N, C-alpha and C. Protein backbone atom coordinates (compact mmCIF):
# COMPACT_ATOMS: atom_id res chain seq x y z
N MET A 1 -7.41 -27.47 -31.41
CA MET A 1 -6.84 -26.92 -30.58
C MET A 1 -5.95 -25.47 -30.96
N ALA A 2 -6.73 -24.78 -29.81
CA ALA A 2 -5.96 -23.57 -29.30
C ALA A 2 -4.43 -23.35 -29.16
N ARG A 3 -3.53 -22.72 -29.19
CA ARG A 3 -1.67 -22.59 -28.98
C ARG A 3 -2.20 -21.70 -27.48
N ILE A 4 -1.00 -22.42 -26.39
CA ILE A 4 -1.28 -22.32 -25.41
C ILE A 4 0.63 -22.11 -25.26
N ASP A 5 0.62 -20.25 -25.05
CA ASP A 5 2.02 -20.11 -24.87
C ASP A 5 2.18 -19.50 -22.98
N PHE A 6 2.87 -20.34 -22.69
CA PHE A 6 3.32 -19.53 -20.57
C PHE A 6 4.76 -19.07 -21.28
N HIS A 7 4.29 -17.97 -20.39
CA HIS A 7 5.95 -17.06 -20.10
C HIS A 7 6.09 -17.27 -18.66
N SER A 8 6.93 -17.86 -18.11
CA SER A 8 7.16 -18.49 -16.79
C SER A 8 8.62 -17.37 -16.46
N ASN A 9 8.51 -17.33 -15.20
CA ASN A 9 9.53 -16.60 -14.59
C ASN A 9 9.73 -15.50 -15.41
N VAL A 10 9.10 -15.01 -14.91
CA VAL A 10 8.56 -13.31 -15.23
C VAL A 10 8.82 -12.75 -14.10
N ALA A 11 9.60 -11.86 -13.90
CA ALA A 11 9.86 -10.60 -13.22
C ALA A 11 8.85 -9.76 -12.76
N ASP A 12 8.23 -9.04 -13.76
CA ASP A 12 7.42 -7.98 -13.80
C ASP A 12 6.46 -7.88 -14.60
N LYS A 13 5.51 -8.78 -14.12
CA LYS A 13 3.83 -8.79 -15.47
C LYS A 13 3.31 -7.93 -16.19
N LEU A 14 3.93 -6.96 -15.16
CA LEU A 14 3.18 -5.05 -16.00
C LEU A 14 3.93 -4.96 -16.87
N GLN A 15 4.84 -4.45 -16.81
CA GLN A 15 6.23 -3.98 -18.20
C GLN A 15 6.31 -5.14 -19.29
N TYR A 16 6.21 -6.68 -18.53
CA TYR A 16 6.56 -7.65 -19.47
C TYR A 16 5.28 -7.63 -20.09
N ALA A 17 3.80 -7.50 -19.70
CA ALA A 17 2.49 -7.36 -20.89
C ALA A 17 2.81 -6.61 -21.81
N CYS A 18 3.26 -5.36 -21.32
CA CYS A 18 3.34 -3.92 -22.03
C CYS A 18 4.42 -4.57 -23.25
N ARG A 19 5.62 -4.66 -23.03
CA ARG A 19 6.36 -5.24 -24.31
C ARG A 19 5.45 -6.71 -25.26
N LEU A 20 5.03 -7.41 -24.44
CA LEU A 20 4.97 -8.37 -24.80
C LEU A 20 3.80 -7.58 -25.90
N THR A 21 2.69 -7.18 -25.91
CA THR A 21 1.68 -6.59 -26.08
C THR A 21 1.75 -5.67 -27.28
N ARG A 22 3.20 -5.07 -27.16
CA ARG A 22 3.55 -4.43 -28.11
C ARG A 22 4.21 -5.28 -29.15
N ARG A 23 5.22 -6.04 -29.24
CA ARG A 23 5.89 -6.80 -30.12
C ARG A 23 4.20 -7.67 -30.62
N ILE A 24 3.47 -8.57 -30.25
CA ILE A 24 2.55 -9.22 -30.80
C ILE A 24 1.80 -7.89 -31.92
N TRP A 25 1.14 -6.60 -31.34
CA TRP A 25 0.31 -5.77 -31.67
C TRP A 25 1.20 -5.38 -33.65
N SER A 26 2.11 -5.10 -32.86
CA SER A 26 3.13 -4.49 -34.03
C SER A 26 3.77 -5.63 -35.00
N ASP A 27 3.73 -6.92 -34.85
CA ASP A 27 4.13 -8.21 -35.85
C ASP A 27 3.21 -8.34 -37.05
N THR A 28 2.02 -7.50 -36.77
CA THR A 28 0.68 -7.75 -37.49
C THR A 28 1.70 -7.78 -39.29
N PRO A 29 1.59 -9.07 -39.99
CA PRO A 29 2.58 -9.02 -41.48
C PRO A 29 1.44 -7.68 -42.61
N SER A 30 2.17 -7.31 -42.95
CA SER A 30 1.87 -6.35 -43.95
C SER A 30 0.72 -6.48 -44.43
N GLY A 31 -0.30 -5.76 -44.63
CA GLY A 31 -1.81 -6.44 -45.80
C GLY A 31 -2.83 -7.52 -44.48
N GLN A 32 -2.43 -7.83 -43.82
CA GLN A 32 -3.06 -8.31 -42.95
C GLN A 32 -3.92 -7.14 -42.04
N PRO A 33 -5.21 -7.99 -41.42
CA PRO A 33 -5.62 -6.97 -40.13
C PRO A 33 -4.48 -6.91 -38.74
N VAL A 34 -4.83 -5.94 -38.17
CA VAL A 34 -4.49 -5.97 -36.98
C VAL A 34 -4.46 -7.10 -36.04
N ARG A 35 -3.38 -7.75 -35.28
CA ARG A 35 -3.90 -8.20 -34.47
C ARG A 35 -5.09 -7.67 -33.11
N GLN A 36 -5.83 -9.01 -33.01
CA GLN A 36 -6.88 -8.07 -31.49
C GLN A 36 -6.19 -8.97 -30.49
N ILE A 37 -5.88 -8.52 -29.12
CA ILE A 37 -5.95 -8.54 -28.00
C ILE A 37 -6.78 -8.03 -26.65
N VAL A 38 -6.58 -9.32 -26.04
CA VAL A 38 -7.71 -9.14 -24.98
C VAL A 38 -6.82 -9.91 -23.75
N MET A 39 -7.51 -8.39 -22.84
CA MET A 39 -5.87 -8.67 -21.91
C MET A 39 -6.92 -9.33 -20.65
N VAL A 40 -6.73 -10.12 -19.85
CA VAL A 40 -7.70 -10.58 -18.31
C VAL A 40 -6.09 -10.94 -17.66
N GLY A 41 -6.86 -10.19 -16.37
CA GLY A 41 -6.33 -10.15 -14.98
C GLY A 41 -6.98 -9.25 -14.10
N GLU A 42 -7.09 -9.72 -12.87
CA GLU A 42 -7.52 -9.03 -11.29
C GLU A 42 -7.81 -7.11 -11.87
N LYS A 43 -8.34 -6.68 -11.40
CA LYS A 43 -8.62 -5.62 -11.42
C LYS A 43 -8.24 -4.15 -11.68
N VAL A 44 -7.00 -4.60 -9.92
CA VAL A 44 -5.73 -3.96 -9.51
C VAL A 44 -4.85 -4.36 -10.70
N ASP A 45 -4.35 -5.05 -10.67
CA ASP A 45 -3.67 -5.48 -11.62
C ASP A 45 -3.61 -4.58 -13.37
N LEU A 46 -5.13 -4.17 -13.74
CA LEU A 46 -5.33 -3.94 -15.11
C LEU A 46 -5.46 -2.63 -14.44
N LYS A 47 -5.53 -1.94 -13.68
CA LYS A 47 -5.66 -0.31 -13.57
C LYS A 47 -4.15 -0.24 -13.58
N LYS A 48 -3.11 -0.32 -12.64
CA LYS A 48 -1.91 -0.49 -13.22
C LYS A 48 -1.48 -0.29 -14.68
N LEU A 49 -1.43 -1.65 -15.27
CA LEU A 49 -1.51 -2.42 -16.35
C LEU A 49 -1.79 -0.71 -17.45
N ASP A 50 -3.48 -0.44 -17.43
CA ASP A 50 -3.86 0.81 -18.19
C ASP A 50 -3.25 2.18 -18.16
N GLU A 51 -2.51 2.27 -16.77
CA GLU A 51 -1.25 3.60 -16.62
C GLU A 51 -0.57 3.78 -17.49
N LEU A 52 0.11 1.95 -17.00
CA LEU A 52 1.55 1.40 -17.67
C LEU A 52 2.14 1.60 -19.28
N LEU A 53 0.41 1.37 -20.20
CA LEU A 53 0.74 0.93 -21.61
C LEU A 53 0.13 2.46 -22.36
N TRP A 54 0.20 3.89 -20.95
CA TRP A 54 0.29 4.70 -21.96
C TRP A 54 1.67 5.56 -21.55
N THR A 55 2.49 5.41 -20.48
CA THR A 55 3.84 5.69 -20.25
C THR A 55 5.07 4.91 -20.60
N PHE A 56 4.45 3.63 -20.75
CA PHE A 56 5.76 2.62 -20.74
C PHE A 56 6.82 3.24 -21.77
N SER A 57 6.48 3.53 -22.62
CA SER A 57 7.15 4.13 -23.98
C SER A 57 6.85 4.99 -24.67
N THR A 58 7.91 6.01 -24.70
CA THR A 58 7.61 6.67 -25.35
C THR A 58 7.67 7.96 -26.86
N THR A 59 7.68 6.72 -27.39
CA THR A 59 7.44 6.01 -28.95
C THR A 59 6.53 5.33 -29.50
N ASP A 60 6.13 4.51 -28.76
CA ASP A 60 4.88 3.54 -29.05
C ASP A 60 3.55 4.20 -28.42
N PHE A 61 2.52 3.96 -29.30
CA PHE A 61 1.55 4.16 -28.73
C PHE A 61 0.48 2.31 -28.75
N LEU A 62 -0.05 2.54 -28.12
CA LEU A 62 -0.88 0.76 -28.18
C LEU A 62 -2.38 1.31 -27.47
N PRO A 63 -3.13 1.10 -28.79
CA PRO A 63 -4.63 1.72 -28.23
C PRO A 63 -5.76 0.97 -27.36
N HIS A 64 -5.66 1.36 -26.32
CA HIS A 64 -6.44 0.65 -25.59
C HIS A 64 -7.30 0.72 -24.74
N CYS A 65 -8.52 0.22 -24.25
CA CYS A 65 -9.28 0.69 -23.42
C CYS A 65 -10.03 -0.50 -22.34
N PHE A 66 -10.71 -0.16 -21.02
CA PHE A 66 -11.52 -1.61 -20.62
C PHE A 66 -12.97 -2.07 -21.37
N ILE A 67 -13.12 -3.16 -21.05
CA ILE A 67 -14.00 -3.76 -21.79
C ILE A 67 -15.18 -2.86 -21.89
N ASP A 68 -15.83 -1.86 -20.76
CA ASP A 68 -17.10 -1.60 -20.49
C ASP A 68 -16.64 -0.14 -21.11
N ASP A 69 -16.17 0.06 -22.24
CA ASP A 69 -16.25 1.33 -22.45
C ASP A 69 -16.67 1.62 -23.83
N GLU A 70 -17.18 2.60 -24.28
CA GLU A 70 -17.51 2.44 -25.14
C GLU A 70 -16.90 2.24 -26.91
N ALA A 71 -15.87 2.68 -26.62
CA ALA A 71 -14.88 2.26 -27.72
C ALA A 71 -14.33 1.35 -28.10
N ALA A 72 -14.81 0.36 -27.14
CA ALA A 72 -13.77 -1.42 -26.89
C ALA A 72 -14.30 -2.14 -28.02
N THR A 73 -15.66 -1.63 -28.79
CA THR A 73 -15.48 -2.68 -30.27
C THR A 73 -14.37 -2.56 -31.27
N GLU A 74 -13.89 -0.94 -31.17
CA GLU A 74 -13.13 -0.23 -31.91
C GLU A 74 -12.03 -0.45 -31.54
N THR A 75 -11.38 -0.47 -30.52
CA THR A 75 -10.15 -0.86 -29.85
C THR A 75 -9.02 -1.86 -29.73
N PRO A 76 -8.41 -1.99 -30.47
CA PRO A 76 -7.34 -3.65 -30.67
C PRO A 76 -6.60 -4.04 -29.23
N ILE A 77 -6.71 -3.46 -28.13
CA ILE A 77 -6.40 -4.24 -27.00
C ILE A 77 -7.15 -3.57 -25.97
N VAL A 78 -8.13 -4.99 -25.28
CA VAL A 78 -9.44 -4.77 -24.55
C VAL A 78 -8.73 -5.24 -23.27
N LEU A 79 -8.85 -4.86 -22.05
CA LEU A 79 -9.00 -5.12 -20.48
C LEU A 79 -10.00 -5.94 -20.35
N THR A 80 -9.90 -6.83 -19.08
CA THR A 80 -11.12 -6.71 -18.77
C THR A 80 -10.73 -8.05 -17.67
N ASP A 81 -11.44 -8.33 -16.38
CA ASP A 81 -11.66 -8.62 -15.51
C ASP A 81 -11.96 -10.10 -15.23
N ASP A 82 -13.10 -10.58 -16.29
CA ASP A 82 -13.76 -11.86 -16.28
C ASP A 82 -14.01 -12.49 -17.37
N PHE A 83 -13.32 -13.43 -17.85
CA PHE A 83 -13.40 -14.70 -19.35
C PHE A 83 -14.26 -15.00 -19.82
N ALA A 84 -15.44 -14.61 -19.07
CA ALA A 84 -16.84 -14.97 -19.79
C ALA A 84 -17.59 -13.67 -20.00
N SER A 85 -17.00 -12.21 -19.66
CA SER A 85 -18.02 -10.96 -19.61
C SER A 85 -18.83 -11.50 -20.21
N PRO A 86 -19.66 -10.97 -20.64
CA PRO A 86 -20.93 -11.11 -21.59
C PRO A 86 -20.53 -9.90 -22.54
N ALA A 87 -19.77 -8.59 -22.03
CA ALA A 87 -19.29 -8.05 -23.25
C ALA A 87 -18.49 -8.11 -24.37
N LEU A 88 -17.86 -9.47 -23.98
CA LEU A 88 -16.83 -9.99 -25.01
C LEU A 88 -17.57 -10.25 -26.48
N ASN A 89 -18.87 -10.54 -26.18
CA ASN A 89 -19.62 -11.42 -26.95
C ASN A 89 -20.11 -9.91 -28.05
N HIS A 90 -19.74 -8.83 -27.94
CA HIS A 90 -19.62 -7.37 -28.92
C HIS A 90 -18.55 -6.97 -29.32
N ILE A 91 -17.00 -7.91 -29.00
CA ILE A 91 -15.81 -7.77 -28.98
C ILE A 91 -15.60 -8.52 -30.05
N PRO A 92 -15.35 -7.82 -31.55
CA PRO A 92 -14.40 -8.58 -32.80
C PRO A 92 -13.20 -9.67 -32.19
N HIS A 93 -12.88 -8.81 -31.00
CA HIS A 93 -11.29 -9.25 -31.21
C HIS A 93 -11.66 -10.97 -31.00
N ALA A 94 -10.78 -11.73 -31.25
CA ALA A 94 -10.45 -13.19 -30.92
C ALA A 94 -8.78 -13.83 -31.41
N ASP A 95 -7.98 -13.18 -31.33
CA ASP A 95 -7.41 -13.55 -32.34
C ASP A 95 -6.17 -13.91 -30.58
N VAL A 96 -5.77 -13.21 -29.53
CA VAL A 96 -4.89 -13.33 -28.80
C VAL A 96 -5.19 -13.15 -27.13
N MET A 97 -5.53 -13.75 -26.05
CA MET A 97 -5.64 -13.44 -24.87
C MET A 97 -4.51 -13.66 -24.31
N ILE A 98 -4.56 -12.50 -23.37
CA ILE A 98 -2.84 -12.85 -22.57
C ILE A 98 -3.26 -12.67 -20.96
N HIS A 99 -3.50 -13.43 -20.54
CA HIS A 99 -4.14 -14.25 -19.11
C HIS A 99 -3.11 -13.40 -17.81
N LEU A 100 -3.26 -12.69 -17.57
CA LEU A 100 -2.48 -11.55 -16.16
C LEU A 100 -2.08 -12.47 -14.80
N GLY A 101 -3.59 -12.76 -14.69
CA GLY A 101 -4.50 -13.11 -12.99
C GLY A 101 -3.35 -14.78 -12.55
N MET A 102 -4.47 -15.30 -11.40
CA MET A 102 -4.03 -16.61 -11.46
C MET A 102 -5.02 -17.71 -11.07
N ARG A 103 -6.02 -17.29 -12.12
CA ARG A 103 -7.66 -18.01 -12.26
C ARG A 103 -7.48 -19.16 -12.73
N MET A 104 -7.67 -19.65 -12.68
CA MET A 104 -8.22 -21.08 -14.36
C MET A 104 -9.18 -20.51 -14.09
N PRO A 105 -9.66 -20.42 -16.36
CA PRO A 105 -10.92 -20.14 -16.46
C PRO A 105 -11.79 -21.52 -16.38
N GLN A 106 -13.69 -21.22 -15.63
CA GLN A 106 -13.76 -22.18 -15.66
C GLN A 106 -14.27 -22.65 -17.05
N ASP A 107 -14.67 -22.44 -18.20
CA ASP A 107 -14.92 -23.00 -18.93
C ASP A 107 -13.53 -22.81 -20.28
N VAL A 108 -12.97 -23.53 -20.14
CA VAL A 108 -11.90 -22.96 -20.74
C VAL A 108 -11.95 -23.72 -22.29
N SER A 109 -12.95 -24.70 -22.29
CA SER A 109 -13.60 -24.65 -23.88
C SER A 109 -14.23 -23.97 -24.79
N ALA A 110 -15.05 -23.13 -23.86
CA ALA A 110 -15.41 -21.93 -24.36
C ALA A 110 -14.64 -20.83 -24.62
N LEU A 111 -13.59 -20.60 -24.07
CA LEU A 111 -12.08 -19.79 -24.19
C LEU A 111 -11.24 -19.56 -25.53
N VAL A 112 -10.85 -21.50 -25.14
CA VAL A 112 -9.62 -22.03 -26.56
C VAL A 112 -11.08 -21.67 -27.76
N ALA A 113 -12.02 -21.74 -27.61
CA ALA A 113 -12.71 -22.03 -29.18
C ALA A 113 -13.10 -20.43 -29.64
N ARG A 114 -13.00 -19.59 -28.39
CA ARG A 114 -12.81 -18.39 -29.29
C ARG A 114 -11.39 -17.52 -28.93
N PHE A 115 -10.34 -17.79 -28.23
CA PHE A 115 -9.19 -17.52 -28.60
C PHE A 115 -8.31 -18.27 -29.24
N PRO A 116 -7.71 -18.59 -30.15
CA PRO A 116 -6.64 -19.42 -31.49
C PRO A 116 -5.26 -19.80 -30.23
N ARG A 117 -4.92 -18.34 -29.56
CA ARG A 117 -3.61 -18.41 -29.27
C ARG A 117 -4.30 -17.59 -27.85
N ILE A 118 -3.83 -18.31 -26.55
CA ILE A 118 -3.35 -17.52 -25.12
C ILE A 118 -2.05 -17.81 -24.21
N ILE A 119 -2.01 -16.73 -24.17
CA ILE A 119 -0.79 -16.74 -23.42
C ILE A 119 -0.59 -15.92 -22.07
N GLU A 120 -0.13 -17.39 -21.47
CA GLU A 120 -0.45 -17.53 -19.56
C GLU A 120 0.80 -16.44 -19.25
N LEU A 121 1.10 -15.38 -18.40
CA LEU A 121 2.00 -14.88 -17.68
C LEU A 121 1.95 -15.32 -16.71
N VAL A 122 3.43 -15.98 -15.82
CA VAL A 122 3.72 -16.51 -14.52
C VAL A 122 4.55 -16.33 -13.98
N THR A 123 4.83 -14.86 -13.01
CA THR A 123 6.02 -14.99 -12.05
C THR A 123 6.56 -15.73 -11.82
N VAL A 124 7.73 -14.94 -10.79
CA VAL A 124 8.31 -16.01 -9.88
C VAL A 124 8.19 -15.76 -8.67
N ASN A 125 6.63 -15.38 -8.31
CA ASN A 125 6.08 -15.36 -6.85
C ASN A 125 5.85 -16.87 -6.50
N ASP A 126 6.17 -17.27 -6.04
CA ASP A 126 5.67 -18.82 -5.79
C ASP A 126 3.99 -19.09 -5.58
N ALA A 127 3.37 -18.52 -4.91
CA ALA A 127 2.30 -18.50 -5.30
C ALA A 127 1.53 -17.85 -7.11
N GLU A 128 1.74 -17.25 -7.66
CA GLU A 128 1.92 -17.38 -9.29
C GLU A 128 1.95 -18.55 -9.63
N ARG A 129 3.60 -18.84 -9.48
CA ARG A 129 3.91 -20.16 -9.94
C ARG A 129 3.44 -21.28 -9.33
N LEU A 130 3.10 -21.69 -8.50
CA LEU A 130 2.27 -22.85 -8.57
C LEU A 130 0.79 -22.52 -9.11
N ALA A 131 -0.14 -21.55 -9.05
CA ALA A 131 -0.79 -21.30 -9.60
C ALA A 131 -1.01 -21.89 -10.94
N GLY A 132 0.09 -21.08 -11.80
CA GLY A 132 0.67 -21.24 -13.52
C GLY A 132 0.82 -22.87 -13.45
N ARG A 133 1.63 -23.65 -12.86
CA ARG A 133 2.01 -25.09 -13.23
C ARG A 133 0.16 -25.49 -12.96
N GLU A 134 -1.12 -25.37 -12.02
CA GLU A 134 -2.05 -26.26 -12.39
C GLU A 134 -2.90 -25.89 -13.87
N ARG A 135 -2.75 -24.45 -13.98
CA ARG A 135 -3.09 -24.21 -15.34
C ARG A 135 -2.54 -24.91 -16.19
N TYR A 136 -0.99 -25.04 -16.32
CA TYR A 136 -0.54 -25.72 -17.02
C TYR A 136 -1.20 -27.45 -17.37
N LYS A 137 -1.08 -27.61 -16.17
CA LYS A 137 -1.80 -29.09 -16.11
C LYS A 137 -2.89 -29.42 -16.40
N ALA A 138 -3.38 -28.65 -16.69
CA ALA A 138 -5.28 -28.95 -16.58
C ALA A 138 -5.34 -28.34 -18.38
N TYR A 139 -4.63 -27.37 -18.86
CA TYR A 139 -4.52 -27.25 -20.44
C TYR A 139 -3.60 -28.45 -21.16
N ARG A 140 -3.04 -29.13 -20.56
CA ARG A 140 -2.04 -30.65 -20.91
C ARG A 140 -3.60 -31.86 -20.84
N GLU A 141 -3.84 -31.67 -20.15
CA GLU A 141 -4.76 -32.90 -19.76
C GLU A 141 -5.73 -32.63 -20.54
N LEU A 142 -5.99 -31.31 -21.26
CA LEU A 142 -7.25 -31.20 -22.28
C LEU A 142 -6.82 -30.97 -23.88
N GLY A 143 -5.92 -31.85 -23.92
CA GLY A 143 -4.69 -31.60 -25.26
C GLY A 143 -4.69 -31.02 -25.59
N HIS A 144 -4.29 -30.16 -25.37
CA HIS A 144 -4.10 -28.53 -25.98
C HIS A 144 -2.44 -28.25 -26.22
N GLU A 145 -2.24 -27.37 -27.14
CA GLU A 145 -0.44 -27.49 -27.71
C GLU A 145 0.20 -26.88 -27.09
N LEU A 146 0.73 -27.25 -25.54
CA LEU A 146 1.84 -25.43 -24.56
C LEU A 146 3.26 -26.00 -25.15
N HIS A 147 3.39 -24.37 -24.80
CA HIS A 147 4.76 -24.01 -25.17
C HIS A 147 5.31 -23.38 -23.84
N ASN A 148 6.06 -23.50 -23.78
CA ASN A 148 7.23 -22.47 -22.37
C ASN A 148 8.05 -21.62 -22.45
N PHE A 149 8.32 -20.65 -22.15
CA PHE A 149 9.23 -20.01 -22.54
C PHE A 149 9.24 -19.35 -21.17
N ASP A 150 10.45 -19.78 -20.89
CA ASP A 150 11.31 -19.68 -19.50
C ASP A 150 12.11 -18.12 -19.56
N GLN A 151 11.51 -17.64 -18.64
CA GLN A 151 12.33 -15.72 -19.01
C GLN A 151 13.44 -15.55 -17.91
N SER A 152 13.59 -16.74 -17.46
CA SER A 152 14.93 -16.62 -16.70
C SER A 152 16.00 -17.03 -17.18
N LYS A 153 16.20 -17.33 -18.17
CA LYS A 153 16.75 -17.99 -19.25
C LYS A 153 17.34 -16.65 -20.30
N SER A 154 16.69 -15.60 -20.73
CA SER A 154 16.36 -14.70 -21.17
C SER A 154 17.34 -13.15 -20.31
N ALA A 155 17.46 -13.75 -19.29
CA ALA A 155 17.89 -12.28 -18.29
C ALA A 155 19.46 -11.87 -18.44
């Protein structure tokens, strides 16, 4: 079973995604392979995230690209708008998937087989909160290990 973390009540999902990605990527234990991260979301959000990953910190470099980029197989952080993109079959990344969108993946079993850890970002927006609750219920009904990290308590 996959570990699925819900980070709920996120005020700014793109800023939060940058910080979370930085933490996951930099927390790789010494001597271990660098964690590979695939970020899934809507195209408009991914374009903004792409720009933000380059500029959100003056001291951190988070190597990333879109899944259709020729460097995607060698880049530790890959952005895609499709859970089932055929290009994922060519990406050796299989550690963490961060989901920024509202859609439930159509084939959850394939997704959890590919990613042992899935992180769902849920904002304070009412529509996104409702969609997040539905995804939480769906994952729970499938028997996955769920964890919730309420960001309203850390503000």
